[in-house]
Amino acid sequence: MSKTFIGDFCAHVPSDKVGAKGNYKKIGAVFRDERTGAISVKIDTLPVPGSGWLGWCNVFQDREQSTANTPAPTVQHVTDDDLPF
């Protein structure tokens, strides 16, 4: 099973200062299975409790890959009703 690195999986942590922008913390990586096209997320860590993290994450595509004219992964919007639990 061959997987291609898509990009970094980052958590958005809001700033504790009023009016300041939040930060993105790398918490893992995103891969695409070459055979099936399935996307996998490898999580290495999570933001500490009390950091203000609201559960939102972003994928930042690998710069080399984004300049190679490869299409960005499609985004699927999930509602609470779509979750299997």
Protein backbone atom coordinates (compact mmCIF):
# COMPACT_ATOMS: atom_id res chain seq x y z
CA MET A 1 0.00 0.00 0.00
CA SER A 2 1.65 3.19 -1.24
CA LYS A 3 0.75 6.54 0.33
CA THR A 4 1.61 10.03 -0.85
CA PHE A 5 2.19 12.86 1.60
CA ILE A 6 -0.37 15.64 0.99
CA GLY A 7 0.50 18.12 3.72
CA ASP A 8 0.64 19.06 7.38
CA PHE A 9 -2.38 18.60 9.66
CA CYS A 10 -2.54 21.69 11.90
CA ALA A 11 -4.76 22.76 14.79
CA HIS A 12 -5.90 26.38 14.98
CA VAL A 13 -5.35 27.69 18.51
CA PRO A 14 -6.86 31.14 19.15
CA SER A 15 -4.72 33.81 20.80
CA ASP A 16 -5.40 34.63 24.42
CA LYS A 17 -4.87 38.34 23.62
CA VAL A 18 -7.83 40.40 22.41
CA GLY A 19 -7.57 41.27 18.71
CA ALA A 20 -4.52 39.07 18.09
CA LYS A 21 -4.46 36.33 15.47
CA GLY A 22 -4.36 32.71 16.53
CA ASN A 23 -1.59 30.23 15.81
CA TYR A 24 -1.45 26.99 13.85
CA LYS A 25 0.26 24.07 15.58
CA LYS A 26 1.34 21.07 13.50
CA ILE A 27 -0.29 18.02 15.05
CA GLY A 28 0.17 15.44 12.30
CA ALA A 29 0.21 14.72 8.57
CA VAL A 30 -2.25 13.89 5.77
CA PHE A 31 -1.68 11.12 3.19
CA ARG A 32 -3.49 9.83 0.08
CA ASP A 33 -3.58 6.11 -0.77
CA GLU A 34 -2.34 5.75 -4.36
CA ARG A 35 -4.54 2.75 -5.12
CA THR A 36 -7.89 3.80 -3.65
CA GLY A 37 -7.55 7.59 -3.41
CA ALA A 38 -8.58 7.43 0.27
CA ILE A 39 -7.25 10.19 2.50
CA SER A 40 -5.73 9.31 5.89
CA VAL A 41 -4.74 11.54 8.80
CA LYS A 42 -1.88 10.58 11.13
CA ILE A 43 -2.26 12.46 14.42
CA ASP A 44 0.92 12.77 16.47
CA THR A 45 -0.30 15.08 19.24
CA LEU A 46 -3.21 17.31 20.30
CA PRO A 47 -3.18 20.82 21.78
CA VAL A 48 -3.10 20.90 25.56
CA PRO A 49 -6.39 21.32 27.44
CA GLY A 50 -7.04 24.93 28.35
CA SER A 51 -5.22 26.28 25.28
CA GLY A 52 -8.49 27.54 23.79
CA TRP A 53 -8.51 24.97 20.96
CA LEU A 54 -12.06 24.50 19.66
CA GLY A 55 -11.38 21.33 17.66
CA TRP A 56 -10.79 22.92 14.25
CA CYS A 57 -7.92 21.68 12.09
CA ASN A 58 -6.55 22.67 8.69
CA VAL A 59 -4.50 20.86 6.07
CA PHE A 60 -1.63 22.83 4.58
CA GLN A 61 -0.59 21.22 1.31
CA ASP A 62 3.07 20.40 0.76
CA ARG A 63 4.63 23.32 -1.17
CA GLU A 64 6.51 21.05 -3.59
CA GLN A 65 3.35 19.14 -4.37
CA SER A 66 1.22 22.27 -4.81
CA THR A 67 3.63 23.61 -7.45
CA ALA A 68 3.58 20.30 -9.36
CA ASN A 69 0.08 21.06 -10.76
CA THR A 70 -1.55 18.37 -8.66
CA PRO A 71 -5.14 19.03 -7.65
CA ALA A 72 -5.76 19.88 -4.02
CA PRO A 73 -7.76 17.28 -2.09
CA THR A 74 -11.49 17.83 -2.13
CA VAL A 75 -13.06 19.06 1.08
CA GLN A 76 -16.04 17.20 2.40
CA HIS A 77 -18.21 19.08 4.85
CA VAL A 78 -19.42 16.84 7.66
CA THR A 79 -22.34 17.55 9.95
CA ASP A 80 -23.01 15.91 13.29
CA ASP A 81 -25.58 13.70 11.57
CA ASP A 82 -22.84 12.21 9.34
CA LEU A 83 -20.77 10.92 12.27
CA PRO A 84 -21.04 7.16 12.86
CA PHE A 85 -21.26 7.45 16.65
